[in-house]
Amino acid sequence: SYLLAGINGAYVITKYKLQKDITTLGSGTGGARNAGRVAGKQAFIWT
């Protein structure tokens, strides 16, 4: 559970969509709100 939970959806989506690390963008967190803020609504949903 811990290892799977570490697969961060926001990181995966922003890396794919923007080729950037989510932890260096916006608020610096790898969460859905930050993904939506920096990469749009679809990034939020996929995260």
PDB file of all heavy atoms in Angstrom:
ATOM      1  N   SER A   1       0.831  -1.208   0.000  1.00  0.00           N
ATOM      2  CA  SER A   1       0.000   0.000   0.000  1.00  0.00           C
ATOM      3  C   SER A   1       0.865   1.257   0.000  1.00  0.00           C
ATOM      4  O   SER A   1       0.593   2.204  -0.742  1.00  0.00           O
ATOM      5  CB  SER A   1      -0.890   0.002   1.246  1.00  0.00           C
ATOM      6  OG  SER A   1      -2.222   0.001   0.909  1.00  0.00           O
ATOM      7  N   TYR A   2       1.882   1.283   0.848  1.00  0.00           N
ATOM      8  CA  TYR A   2       2.763   2.449   0.942  1.00  0.00           C
ATOM      9  C   TYR A   2       3.498   2.684  -0.390  1.00  0.00           C
ATOM     10  O   TYR A   2       3.563   3.814  -0.879  1.00  0.00           O
ATOM     11  CB  TYR A   2       3.782   2.281   2.078  1.00  0.00           C
ATOM     12  CG  TYR A   2       4.704   3.462   2.194  1.00  0.00           C
ATOM     13  CD1 TYR A   2       4.313   4.605   2.878  1.00  0.00           C
ATOM     14  CD2 TYR A   2       5.953   3.461   1.582  1.00  0.00           C
ATOM     15  CE1 TYR A   2       5.136   5.709   2.961  1.00  0.00           C
ATOM     16  CE2 TYR A   2       6.784   4.561   1.658  1.00  0.00           C
ATOM     17  CZ  TYR A   2       6.369   5.684   2.358  1.00  0.00           C
ATOM     18  OH  TYR A   2       7.190   6.777   2.425  1.00  0.00           O
ATOM     19  N   LEU A   3       4.037   1.632  -0.966  1.00  0.00           N
ATOM     20  CA  LEU A   3       4.795   1.776  -2.215  1.00  0.00           C
ATOM     21  C   LEU A   3       3.903   2.229  -3.367  1.00  0.00           C
ATOM     22  O   LEU A   3       4.291   3.100  -4.156  1.00  0.00           O
ATOM     23  CB  LEU A   3       5.510   0.467  -2.551  1.00  0.00           C
ATOM     24  CG  LEU A   3       6.616   0.055  -1.574  1.00  0.00           C
ATOM     25  CD1 LEU A   3       7.143  -1.332  -1.919  1.00  0.00           C
ATOM     26  CD2 LEU A   3       7.735   1.073  -1.544  1.00  0.00           C
ATOM     27  N   LEU A   4       2.704   1.654  -3.477  1.00  0.00           N
ATOM     28  CA  LEU A   4       1.778   2.078  -4.532  1.00  0.00           C
ATOM     29  C   LEU A   4       1.305   3.511  -4.314  1.00  0.00           C
ATOM     30  O   LEU A   4       1.174   4.286  -5.262  1.00  0.00           O
ATOM     31  CB  LEU A   4       0.580   1.141  -4.610  1.00  0.00           C
ATOM     32  CG  LEU A   4       0.822  -0.213  -5.252  1.00  0.00           C
ATOM     33  CD1 LEU A   4      -0.415  -1.086  -5.150  1.00  0.00           C
ATOM     34  CD2 LEU A   4       1.258  -0.063  -6.697  1.00  0.00           C
ATOM     35  N   ALA A   5       1.042   3.872  -3.060  1.00  0.00           N
ATOM     36  CA  ALA A   5       0.572   5.227  -2.751  1.00  0.00           C
ATOM     37  C   ALA A   5       1.622   6.273  -3.108  1.00  0.00           C
ATOM     38  O   ALA A   5       1.292   7.417  -3.386  1.00  0.00           O
ATOM     39  CB  ALA A   5       0.202   5.335  -1.271  1.00  0.00           C
ATOM     40  N   GLY A   6       2.872   5.874  -3.117  1.00  0.00           N
ATOM     41  CA  GLY A   6       3.946   6.798  -3.475  1.00  0.00           C
ATOM     42  C   GLY A   6       3.985   7.153  -4.953  1.00  0.00           C
ATOM     43  O   GLY A   6       4.660   8.103  -5.352  1.00  0.00           O
ATOM     44  N   ILE A   7       3.271   6.400  -5.780  1.00  0.00           N
ATOM     45  CA  ILE A   7       3.171   6.744  -7.204  1.00  0.00           C
ATOM     46  C   ILE A   7       2.275   7.968  -7.281  1.00  0.00           C
ATOM     47  O   ILE A   7       1.074   7.879  -7.055  1.00  0.00           O
ATOM     48  CB  ILE A   7       2.604   5.583  -8.037  1.00  0.00           C
ATOM     49  CG1 ILE A   7       3.511   4.367  -7.926  1.00  0.00           C
ATOM     50  CG2 ILE A   7       2.403   6.014  -9.488  1.00  0.00           C
ATOM     51  CD1 ILE A   7       2.909   3.091  -8.488  1.00  0.00           C
ATOM     52  N   ASN A   8       2.851   9.091  -7.573  1.00  0.00           N
ATOM     53  CA  ASN A   8       2.140  10.358  -7.461  1.00  0.00           C
ATOM     54  C   ASN A   8       1.483  10.742  -8.780  1.00  0.00           C
ATOM     55  O   ASN A   8       2.158  11.007  -9.778  1.00  0.00           O
ATOM     56  CB  ASN A   8       3.128  11.442  -7.006  1.00  0.00           C
ATOM     57  CG  ASN A   8       2.444  12.722  -6.697  1.00  0.00           C
ATOM     58  OD1 ASN A   8       2.148  13.492  -7.602  1.00  0.00           O
ATOM     59  ND2 ASN A   8       2.169  12.953  -5.424  1.00  0.00           N
ATOM     60  N   GLY A   9       0.141  10.796  -8.763  1.00  0.00           N
ATOM     61  CA  GLY A   9      -0.608  11.116  -9.970  1.00  0.00           C
ATOM     62  C   GLY A   9      -0.267  12.478 -10.545  1.00  0.00           C
ATOM     63  O   GLY A   9      -0.126  12.635 -11.760  1.00  0.00           O
ATOM     64  N   ALA A  10      -0.115  13.472  -9.687  1.00  0.00           N
ATOM     65  CA  ALA A  10       0.213  14.828 -10.151  1.00  0.00           C
ATOM     66  C   ALA A  10       1.579  14.845 -10.836  1.00  0.00           C
ATOM     67  O   ALA A  10       1.771  15.509 -11.855  1.00  0.00           O
ATOM     68  CB  ALA A  10       0.187  15.813  -8.990  1.00  0.00           C
ATOM     69  N   TYR A  11       2.521  14.106 -10.271  1.00  0.00           N
ATOM     70  CA  TYR A  11       3.863  14.045 -10.874  1.00  0.00           C
ATOM     71  C   TYR A  11       3.787  13.392 -12.249  1.00  0.00           C
ATOM     72  O   TYR A  11       4.333  13.911 -13.227  1.00  0.00           O
ATOM     73  CB  TYR A  11       4.826  13.269  -9.967  1.00  0.00           C
ATOM     74  CG  TYR A  11       6.207  13.159 -10.549  1.00  0.00           C
ATOM     75  CD1 TYR A  11       7.129  14.186 -10.375  1.00  0.00           C
ATOM     76  CD2 TYR A  11       6.588  12.051 -11.296  1.00  0.00           C
ATOM     77  CE1 TYR A  11       8.403  14.105 -10.924  1.00  0.00           C
ATOM     78  CE2 TYR A  11       7.847  11.958 -11.846  1.00  0.00           C
ATOM     79  CZ  TYR A  11       8.748  12.984 -11.664  1.00  0.00           C
ATOM     80  OH  TYR A  11      10.007  12.898 -12.214  1.00  0.00           O
ATOM     81  N   VAL A  12       3.085  12.264 -12.329  1.00  0.00           N
ATOM     82  CA  VAL A  12       2.967  11.531 -13.601  1.00  0.00           C
ATOM     83  C   VAL A  12       2.319  12.410 -14.669  1.00  0.00           C
ATOM     84  O   VAL A  12       2.819  12.514 -15.800  1.00  0.00           O
ATOM     85  CB  VAL A  12       2.163  10.222 -13.400  1.00  0.00           C
ATOM     86  CG1 VAL A  12       1.836   9.564 -14.727  1.00  0.00           C
ATOM     87  CG2 VAL A  12       2.919   9.260 -12.496  1.00  0.00           C
ATOM     88  N   ILE A  13       1.217  13.058 -14.315  1.00  0.00           N
ATOM     89  CA  ILE A  13       0.464  13.865 -15.283  1.00  0.00           C
ATOM     90  C   ILE A  13       1.250  15.095 -15.727  1.00  0.00           C
ATOM     91  O   ILE A  13       1.324  15.395 -16.919  1.00  0.00           O
ATOM     92  CB  ILE A  13      -0.912  14.266 -14.714  1.00  0.00           C
ATOM     93  CG1 ILE A  13      -1.784  13.021 -14.506  1.00  0.00           C
ATOM     94  CG2 ILE A  13      -1.614  15.286 -15.587  1.00  0.00           C
ATOM     95  CD1 ILE A  13      -2.027  12.194 -15.757  1.00  0.00           C
ATOM     96  N   THR A  14       1.838  15.831 -14.786  1.00  0.00           N
ATOM     97  CA  THR A  14       2.574  17.042 -15.188  1.00  0.00           C
ATOM     98  C   THR A  14       3.864  16.694 -15.915  1.00  0.00           C
ATOM     99  O   THR A  14       4.296  17.442 -16.781  1.00  0.00           O
ATOM    100  CB  THR A  14       2.867  17.981 -14.002  1.00  0.00           C
ATOM    101  OG1 THR A  14       3.573  17.263 -13.000  1.00  0.00           O
ATOM    102  CG2 THR A  14       1.597  18.570 -13.450  1.00  0.00           C
ATOM    103  N   LYS A  15       4.461  15.563 -15.571  1.00  0.00           N
ATOM    104  CA  LYS A  15       5.662  15.135 -16.309  1.00  0.00           C
ATOM    105  C   LYS A  15       5.279  14.814 -17.754  1.00  0.00           C
ATOM    106  O   LYS A  15       5.987  15.186 -18.689  1.00  0.00           O
ATOM    107  CB  LYS A  15       6.281  13.918 -15.618  1.00  0.00           C
ATOM    108  CG  LYS A  15       7.712  13.687 -15.963  1.00  0.00           C
ATOM    109  CD  LYS A  15       8.560  14.824 -15.445  1.00  0.00           C
ATOM    110  CE  LYS A  15       9.977  14.390 -15.274  1.00  0.00           C
ATOM    111  NZ  LYS A  15      10.886  15.504 -15.126  1.00  0.00           N
ATOM    112  N   TYR A  16       4.141  14.141 -17.930  1.00  0.00           N
ATOM    113  CA  TYR A  16       3.668  13.792 -19.268  1.00  0.00           C
ATOM    114  C   TYR A  16       3.220  15.038 -20.044  1.00  0.00           C
ATOM    115  O   TYR A  16       3.589  15.229 -21.193  1.00  0.00           O
ATOM    116  CB  TYR A  16       2.511  12.786 -19.161  1.00  0.00           C
ATOM    117  CG  TYR A  16       1.827  12.507 -20.471  1.00  0.00           C
ATOM    118  CD1 TYR A  16       2.421  11.680 -21.420  1.00  0.00           C
ATOM    119  CD2 TYR A  16       0.596  13.074 -20.775  1.00  0.00           C
ATOM    120  CE1 TYR A  16       1.800  11.423 -22.639  1.00  0.00           C
ATOM    121  CE2 TYR A  16      -0.035  12.826 -21.974  1.00  0.00           C
ATOM    122  CZ  TYR A  16       0.568  12.011 -22.903  1.00  0.00           C
ATOM    123  OH  TYR A  16      -0.050  11.766 -24.098  1.00  0.00           O
ATOM    124  N   LYS A  17       2.412  15.887 -19.381  1.00  0.00           N
ATOM    125  CA  LYS A  17       1.804  17.026 -20.064  1.00  0.00           C
ATOM    126  C   LYS A  17       2.769  18.196 -20.261  1.00  0.00           C
ATOM    127  O   LYS A  17       2.774  18.825 -21.314  1.00  0.00           O
ATOM    128  CB  LYS A  17       0.576  17.482 -19.280  1.00  0.00           C
ATOM    129  CG  LYS A  17      -0.306  18.442 -20.019  1.00  0.00           C
ATOM    130  CD  LYS A  17      -1.626  18.657 -19.309  1.00  0.00           C
ATOM    131  CE  LYS A  17      -2.454  19.638 -20.120  1.00  0.00           C
ATOM    132  NZ  LYS A  17      -3.748  19.887 -19.545  1.00  0.00           N
ATOM    133  N   LEU A  18       3.566  18.505 -19.235  1.00  0.00           N
ATOM    134  CA  LEU A  18       4.434  19.687 -19.282  1.00  0.00           C
ATOM    135  C   LEU A  18       5.929  19.366 -19.323  1.00  0.00           C
ATOM    136  O   LEU A  18       6.742  20.275 -19.443  1.00  0.00           O
ATOM    137  CB  LEU A  18       4.163  20.582 -18.052  1.00  0.00           C
ATOM    138  CG  LEU A  18       2.731  21.023 -17.808  1.00  0.00           C
ATOM    139  CD1 LEU A  18       2.636  21.793 -16.497  1.00  0.00           C
ATOM    140  CD2 LEU A  18       2.213  21.845 -18.968  1.00  0.00           C
ATOM    141  N   GLN A  19       6.264  18.096 -19.160  1.00  0.00           N
ATOM    142  CA  GLN A  19       7.656  17.672 -19.042  1.00  0.00           C
ATOM    143  C   GLN A  19       8.371  18.391 -17.882  1.00  0.00           C
ATOM    144  O   GLN A  19       9.542  18.747 -17.975  1.00  0.00           O
ATOM    145  CB  GLN A  19       8.458  17.870 -20.346  1.00  0.00           C
ATOM    146  CG  GLN A  19       8.043  16.950 -21.484  1.00  0.00           C
ATOM    147  CD  GLN A  19       6.732  17.349 -22.128  1.00  0.00           C
ATOM    148  OE1 GLN A  19       6.514  18.510 -22.464  1.00  0.00           O
ATOM    149  NE2 GLN A  19       5.832  16.400 -22.280  1.00  0.00           N
ATOM    150  N   LYS A  20       7.621  18.614 -16.784  1.00  0.00           N
ATOM    151  CA  LYS A  20       8.171  19.288 -15.609  1.00  0.00           C
ATOM    152  C   LYS A  20       7.805  18.515 -14.350  1.00  0.00           C
ATOM    153  O   LYS A  20       6.854  17.744 -14.331  1.00  0.00           O
ATOM    154  CB  LYS A  20       7.645  20.721 -15.514  1.00  0.00           C
ATOM    155  CG  LYS A  20       8.121  21.602 -16.652  1.00  0.00           C
ATOM    156  CD  LYS A  20       7.640  23.017 -16.486  1.00  0.00           C
ATOM    157  CE  LYS A  20       8.161  23.850 -17.671  1.00  0.00           C
ATOM    158  NZ  LYS A  20       7.719  25.222 -17.601  1.00  0.00           N
ATOM    159  N   ASP A  21       8.547  18.773 -13.286  1.00  0.00           N
ATOM    160  CA  ASP A  21       8.337  18.148 -11.988  1.00  0.00           C
ATOM    161  C   ASP A  21       7.339  18.988 -11.185  1.00  0.00           C
ATOM    162  O   ASP A  21       7.612  20.146 -10.883  1.00  0.00           O
ATOM    163  CB  ASP A  21       9.686  18.053 -11.264  1.00  0.00           C
ATOM    164  CG  ASP A  21       9.597  17.451  -9.885  1.00  0.00           C
ATOM    165  OD1 ASP A  21       8.477  17.207  -9.381  1.00  0.00           O
ATOM    166  OD2 ASP A  21      10.666  17.223  -9.286  1.00  0.00           O
ATOM    167  N   ILE A  22       6.203  18.406 -10.809  1.00  0.00           N
ATOM    168  CA  ILE A  22       5.150  19.124 -10.088  1.00  0.00           C
ATOM    169  C   ILE A  22       5.655  19.723  -8.778  1.00  0.00           C
ATOM    170  O   ILE A  22       5.163  20.751  -8.331  1.00  0.00           O
ATOM    171  CB  ILE A  22       3.917  18.211  -9.827  1.00  0.00           C
ATOM    172  CG1 ILE A  22       2.729  19.004  -9.242  1.00  0.00           C
ATOM    173  CG2 ILE A  22       4.266  17.070  -8.887  1.00  0.00           C
ATOM    174  CD1 ILE A  22       2.046  19.894 -10.194  1.00  0.00           C
ATOM    175  N   THR A  23       6.652  19.102  -8.159  1.00  0.00           N
ATOM    176  CA  THR A  23       7.141  19.595  -6.866  1.00  0.00           C
ATOM    177  C   THR A  23       7.938  20.893  -6.996  1.00  0.00           C
ATOM    178  O   THR A  23       8.290  21.497  -5.992  1.00  0.00           O
ATOM    179  CB  THR A  23       7.981  18.536  -6.137  1.00  0.00           C
ATOM    180  OG1 THR A  23       9.156  18.244  -6.896  1.00  0.00           O
ATOM    181  CG2 THR A  23       7.176  17.262  -5.904  1.00  0.00           C
ATOM    182  N   THR A  24       8.178  21.315  -8.231  1.00  0.00           N
ATOM    183  CA  THR A  24       8.861  22.598  -8.453  1.00  0.00           C
ATOM    184  C   THR A  24       7.910  23.649  -9.010  1.00  0.00           C
ATOM    185  O   THR A  24       8.330  24.752  -9.346  1.00  0.00           O
ATOM    186  CB  THR A  24      10.044  22.430  -9.434  1.00  0.00           C
ATOM    187  OG1 THR A  24       9.533  22.048 -10.715  1.00  0.00           O
ATOM    188  CG2 THR A  24      11.035  21.395  -8.932  1.00  0.00           C
ATOM    189  N   LEU A  25       6.636  23.303  -9.112  1.00  0.00           N
ATOM    190  CA  LEU A  25       5.638  24.198  -9.713  1.00  0.00           C
ATOM    191  C   LEU A  25       4.551  24.572  -8.707  1.00  0.00           C
ATOM    192  O   LEU A  25       4.274  23.811  -7.785  1.00  0.00           O
ATOM    193  CB  LEU A  25       4.979  23.516 -10.913  1.00  0.00           C
ATOM    194  CG  LEU A  25       5.902  23.038 -12.031  1.00  0.00           C
ATOM    195  CD1 LEU A  25       5.130  22.177 -13.023  1.00  0.00           C
ATOM    196  CD2 LEU A  25       6.552  24.212 -12.718  1.00  0.00           C
ATOM    197  N   GLY A  26       3.948  25.714  -8.907  1.00  0.00           N
ATOM    198  CA  GLY A  26       2.813  26.125  -8.075  1.00  0.00           C
ATOM    199  C   GLY A  26       3.140  26.124  -6.601  1.00  0.00           C
ATOM    200  O   GLY A  26       4.086  26.754  -6.155  1.00  0.00           O
ATOM    201  N   SER A  27       2.341  25.352  -5.835  1.00  0.00           N
ATOM    202  CA  SER A  27       2.523  25.300  -4.384  1.00  0.00           C
ATOM    203  C   SER A  27       3.679  24.396  -3.973  1.00  0.00           C
ATOM    204  O   SER A  27       4.070  24.392  -2.821  1.00  0.00           O
ATOM    205  CB  SER A  27       1.242  24.800  -3.719  1.00  0.00           C
ATOM    206  OG  SER A  27       1.019  23.451  -4.052  1.00  0.00           O
ATOM    207  N   GLY A  28       4.188  23.583  -4.908  1.00  0.00           N
ATOM    208  CA  GLY A  28       5.276  22.668  -4.588  1.00  0.00           C
ATOM    209  C   GLY A  28       4.815  21.315  -4.084  1.00  0.00           C
ATOM    210  O   GLY A  28       5.632  20.455  -3.772  1.00  0.00           O
ATOM    211  N   THR A  29       3.488  21.105  -4.009  1.00  0.00           N
ATOM    212  CA  THR A  29       2.983  19.805  -3.566  1.00  0.00           C
ATOM    213  C   THR A  29       2.578  18.960  -4.764  1.00  0.00           C
ATOM    214  O   THR A  29       2.252  19.484  -5.824  1.00  0.00           O
ATOM    215  CB  THR A  29       1.766  19.954  -2.629  1.00  0.00           C
ATOM    216  OG1 THR A  29       0.691  20.559  -3.344  1.00  0.00           O
ATOM    217  CG2 THR A  29       2.104  20.764  -1.397  1.00  0.00           C
ATOM    218  N   GLY A  30       2.579  17.662  -4.567  1.00  0.00           N
ATOM    219  CA  GLY A  30       2.188  16.736  -5.619  1.00  0.00           C
ATOM    220  C   GLY A  30       0.744  16.303  -5.457  1.00  0.00           C
ATOM    221  O   GLY A  30       0.455  15.116  -5.395  1.00  0.00           O
ATOM    222  N   GLY A  31      -0.155  17.275  -5.379  1.00  0.00           N
ATOM    223  CA  GLY A  31      -1.568  16.970  -5.196  1.00  0.00           C
ATOM    224  C   GLY A  31      -2.404  17.405  -6.378  1.00  0.00           C
ATOM    225  O   GLY A  31      -1.941  18.116  -7.275  1.00  0.00           O
ATOM    226  N   ALA A  32      -3.657  16.997  -6.360  1.00  0.00           N
ATOM    227  CA  ALA A  32      -4.569  17.295  -7.462  1.00  0.00           C
ATOM    228  C   ALA A  32      -4.812  18.794  -7.627  1.00  0.00           C
ATOM    229  O   ALA A  32      -4.864  19.292  -8.748  1.00  0.00           O
ATOM    230  CB  ALA A  32      -5.896  16.556  -7.249  1.00  0.00           C
ATOM    231  N   ARG A  33      -4.951  19.512  -6.514  1.00  0.00           N
ATOM    232  CA  ARG A  33      -5.187  20.969  -6.619  1.00  0.00           C
ATOM    233  C   ARG A  33      -4.013  21.656  -7.312  1.00  0.00           C
ATOM    234  O   ARG A  33      -4.210  22.531  -8.163  1.00  0.00           O
ATOM    235  CB  ARG A  33      -5.386  21.583  -5.237  1.00  0.00           C
ATOM    236  CG  ARG A  33      -6.785  21.369  -4.699  1.00  0.00           C
ATOM    237  CD  ARG A  33      -6.986  22.038  -3.373  1.00  0.00           C
ATOM    238  NE  ARG A  33      -6.913  23.481  -3.513  1.00  0.00           N
ATOM    239  CZ  ARG A  33      -6.828  24.319  -2.507  1.00  0.00           C
ATOM    240  NH1 ARG A  33      -6.781  23.868  -1.277  1.00  0.00           N
ATOM    241  NH2 ARG A  33      -6.795  25.608  -2.703  1.00  0.00           N
ATOM    242  N   ASN A  34      -2.811  21.284  -6.936  1.00  0.00           N
ATOM    243  CA  ASN A  34      -1.649  21.910  -7.558  1.00  0.00           C
ATOM    244  C   ASN A  34      -1.548  21.511  -9.031  1.00  0.00           C
ATOM    245  O   ASN A  34      -1.235  22.337  -9.882  1.00  0.00           O
ATOM    246  CB  ASN A  34      -0.368  21.552  -6.810  1.00  0.00           C
ATOM    247  CG  ASN A  34       0.794  22.436  -7.191  1.00  0.00           C
ATOM    248  OD1 ASN A  34       0.629  23.621  -7.507  1.00  0.00           O
ATOM    249  ND2 ASN A  34       1.990  21.876  -7.168  1.00  0.00           N
ATOM    250  N   ALA A  35      -1.830  20.246  -9.346  1.00  0.00           N
ATOM    251  CA  ALA A  35      -1.804  19.801 -10.742  1.00  0.00           C
ATOM    252  C   ALA A  35      -2.820  20.586 -11.570  1.00  0.00           C
ATOM    253  O   ALA A  35      -2.526  21.025 -12.683  1.00  0.00           O
ATOM    254  CB  ALA A  35      -2.083  18.309 -10.840  1.00  0.00           C
ATOM    255  N   GLY A  36      -4.012  20.774 -11.014  1.00  0.00           N
ATOM    256  CA  GLY A  36      -5.036  21.550 -11.711  1.00  0.00           C
ATOM    257  C   GLY A  36      -4.627  22.995 -11.892  1.00  0.00           C
ATOM    258  O   GLY A  36      -4.871  23.601 -12.933  1.00  0.00           O
ATOM    259  N   ARG A  37      -3.992  23.537 -10.874  1.00  0.00           N
ATOM    260  CA  ARG A  37      -3.564  24.937 -10.918  1.00  0.00           C
ATOM    261  C   ARG A  37      -2.503  25.156 -12.000  1.00  0.00           C
ATOM    262  O   ARG A  37      -2.558  26.135 -12.730  1.00  0.00           O
ATOM    263  CB  ARG A  37      -2.985  25.331  -9.551  1.00  0.00           C
ATOM    264  CG  ARG A  37      -2.627  26.776  -9.415  1.00  0.00           C
ATOM    265  CD  ARG A  37      -2.037  27.098  -8.036  1.00  0.00           C
ATOM    266  NE  ARG A  37      -2.966  26.794  -6.952  1.00  0.00           N
ATOM    267  CZ  ARG A  37      -2.736  25.910  -5.980  1.00  0.00           C
ATOM    268  NH1 ARG A  37      -1.598  25.240  -5.945  1.00  0.00           N
ATOM    269  NH2 ARG A  37      -3.623  25.695  -5.036  1.00  0.00           N
ATOM    270  N   VAL A  38      -1.553  24.243 -12.113  1.00  0.00           N
ATOM    271  CA  VAL A  38      -0.441  24.473 -13.047  1.00  0.00           C
ATOM    272  C   VAL A  38      -0.640  23.836 -14.419  1.00  0.00           C
ATOM    273  O   VAL A  38      -0.022  24.279 -15.387  1.00  0.00           O
ATOM    274  CB  VAL A  38       0.923  24.029 -12.455  1.00  0.00           C
ATOM    275  CG1 VAL A  38       1.221  24.768 -11.173  1.00  0.00           C
ATOM    276  CG2 VAL A  38       1.003  22.533 -12.251  1.00  0.00           C
ATOM    277  N   ALA A  39      -1.503  22.815 -14.518  1.00  0.00           N
ATOM    278  CA  ALA A  39      -1.639  22.120 -15.803  1.00  0.00           C
ATOM    279  C   ALA A  39      -3.077  22.017 -16.291  1.00  0.00           C
ATOM    280  O   ALA A  39      -3.327  21.388 -17.323  1.00  0.00           O
ATOM    281  CB  ALA A  39      -1.014  20.732 -15.705  1.00  0.00           C
ATOM    282  N   GLY A  40      -4.036  22.589 -15.571  1.00  0.00           N
ATOM    283  CA  GLY A  40      -5.406  22.621 -16.061  1.00  0.00           C
ATOM    284  C   GLY A  40      -6.333  21.582 -15.450  1.00  0.00           C
ATOM    285  O   GLY A  40      -5.925  20.694 -14.712  1.00  0.00           O
ATOM    286  N   LYS A  41      -7.618  21.724 -15.814  1.00  0.00           N
ATOM    287  CA  LYS A  41      -8.685  20.901 -15.257  1.00  0.00           C
ATOM    288  C   LYS A  41      -8.484  19.406 -15.524  1.00  0.00           C
ATOM    289  O   LYS A  41      -8.725  18.570 -14.653  1.00  0.00           O
ATOM    290  CB  LYS A  41     -10.031  21.375 -15.820  1.00  0.00           C
ATOM    291  CG  LYS A  41     -11.229  20.709 -15.222  1.00  0.00           C
ATOM    292  CD  LYS A  41     -12.497  21.314 -15.800  1.00  0.00           C
ATOM    293  CE  LYS A  41     -13.730  20.696 -15.184  1.00  0.00           C
ATOM    294  NZ  LYS A  41     -14.955  21.307 -15.708  1.00  0.00           N
ATOM    295  N   GLN A  42      -8.062  19.066 -16.740  1.00  0.00           N
ATOM    296  CA  GLN A  42      -7.836  17.652 -17.060  1.00  0.00           C
ATOM    297  C   GLN A  42      -6.743  17.048 -16.195  1.00  0.00           C
ATOM    298  O   GLN A  42      -6.848  15.890 -15.782  1.00  0.00           O
ATOM    299  CB  GLN A  42      -7.493  17.478 -18.533  1.00  0.00           C
ATOM    300  CG  GLN A  42      -8.703  17.510 -19.428  1.00  0.00           C
ATOM    301  CD  GLN A  42      -8.360  17.065 -20.836  1.00  0.00           C
ATOM    302  OE1 GLN A  42      -7.236  17.216 -21.296  1.00  0.00           O
ATOM    303  NE2 GLN A  42      -9.338  16.501 -21.518  1.00  0.00           N
ATOM    304  N   ALA A  43      -5.713  17.820 -15.900  1.00  0.00           N
ATOM    305  CA  ALA A  43      -4.632  17.338 -15.026  1.00  0.00           C
ATOM    306  C   ALA A  43      -5.182  17.057 -13.633  1.00  0.00           C
ATOM    307  O   ALA A  43      -4.817  16.055 -12.997  1.00  0.00           O
ATOM    308  CB  ALA A  43      -3.495  18.345 -14.970  1.00  0.00           C
ATOM    309  N   PHE A  44      -6.068  17.935 -13.152  1.00  0.00           N
ATOM    310  CA  PHE A  44      -6.701  17.725 -11.855  1.00  0.00           C
ATOM    311  C   PHE A  44      -7.480  16.405 -11.860  1.00  0.00           C
ATOM    312  O   PHE A  44      -7.332  15.576 -10.963  1.00  0.00           O
ATOM    313  CB  PHE A  44      -7.640  18.895 -11.524  1.00  0.00           C
ATOM    314  CG  PHE A  44      -8.485  18.670 -10.299  1.00  0.00           C
ATOM    315  CD1 PHE A  44      -7.989  18.945  -9.041  1.00  0.00           C
ATOM    316  CD2 PHE A  44      -9.780  18.179 -10.419  1.00  0.00           C
ATOM    317  CE1 PHE A  44      -8.760  18.740  -7.910  1.00  0.00           C
ATOM    318  CE2 PHE A  44     -10.564  17.972  -9.294  1.00  0.00           C
ATOM    319  CZ  PHE A  44     -10.052  18.245  -8.041  1.00  0.00           C
ATOM    320  N   ILE A  45      -8.314  16.218 -12.883  1.00  0.00           N
ATOM    321  CA  ILE A  45      -9.165  15.020 -12.952  1.00  0.00           C
ATOM    322  C   ILE A  45      -8.323  13.749 -13.037  1.00  0.00           C
ATOM    323  O   ILE A  45      -8.565  12.783 -12.297  1.00  0.00           O
ATOM    324  CB  ILE A  45     -10.144  15.123 -14.145  1.00  0.00           C
ATOM    325  CG1 ILE A  45     -11.159  16.241 -13.871  1.00  0.00           C
ATOM    326  CG2 ILE A  45     -10.850  13.792 -14.407  1.00  0.00           C
ATOM    327  CD1 ILE A  45     -11.978  16.649 -15.084  1.00  0.00           C
ATOM    328  N   TRP A  46      -7.326  13.731 -13.915  1.00  0.00           N
ATOM    329  CA  TRP A  46      -6.481  12.546 -14.054  1.00  0.00           C
ATOM    330  C   TRP A  46      -5.668  12.264 -12.794  1.00  0.00           C
ATOM    331  O   TRP A  46      -5.434  11.104 -12.442  1.00  0.00           O
ATOM    332  CB  TRP A  46      -5.581  12.636 -15.284  1.00  0.00           C
ATOM    333  CG  TRP A  46      -6.339  12.298 -16.530  1.00  0.00           C
ATOM    334  CD1 TRP A  46      -6.730  13.142 -17.517  1.00  0.00           C
ATOM    335  CD2 TRP A  46      -6.827  11.003 -16.886  1.00  0.00           C
ATOM    336  NE1 TRP A  46      -7.434  12.460 -18.472  1.00  0.00           N
ATOM    337  CE2 TRP A  46      -7.505  11.137 -18.110  1.00  0.00           C
ATOM    338  CE3 TRP A  46      -6.767   9.747 -16.298  1.00  0.00           C
ATOM    339  CZ2 TRP A  46      -8.117  10.065 -18.746  1.00  0.00           C
ATOM    340  CZ3 TRP A  46      -7.382   8.679 -16.935  1.00  0.00           C
ATOM    341  CH2 TRP A  46      -8.038   8.841 -18.146  1.00  0.00           C
ATOM    342  N   THR A  47      -5.259  13.316 -12.113  1.00  0.00           N
ATOM    343  CA  THR A  47      -4.539  13.125 -10.850  1.00  0.00           C
ATOM    344  C   THR A  47      -5.439  12.456  -9.823  1.00  0.00           C
ATOM    345  O   THR A  47      -5.024  11.517  -9.131  1.00  0.00           O
ATOM    346  CB  THR A  47      -4.007  14.471 -10.310  1.00  0.00           C
ATOM    347  OG1 THR A  47      -3.080  15.001 -11.260  1.00  0.00           O
ATOM    348  CG2 THR A  47      -3.321  14.306  -8.971  1.00  0.00           C
TER     349      THR A  47
END
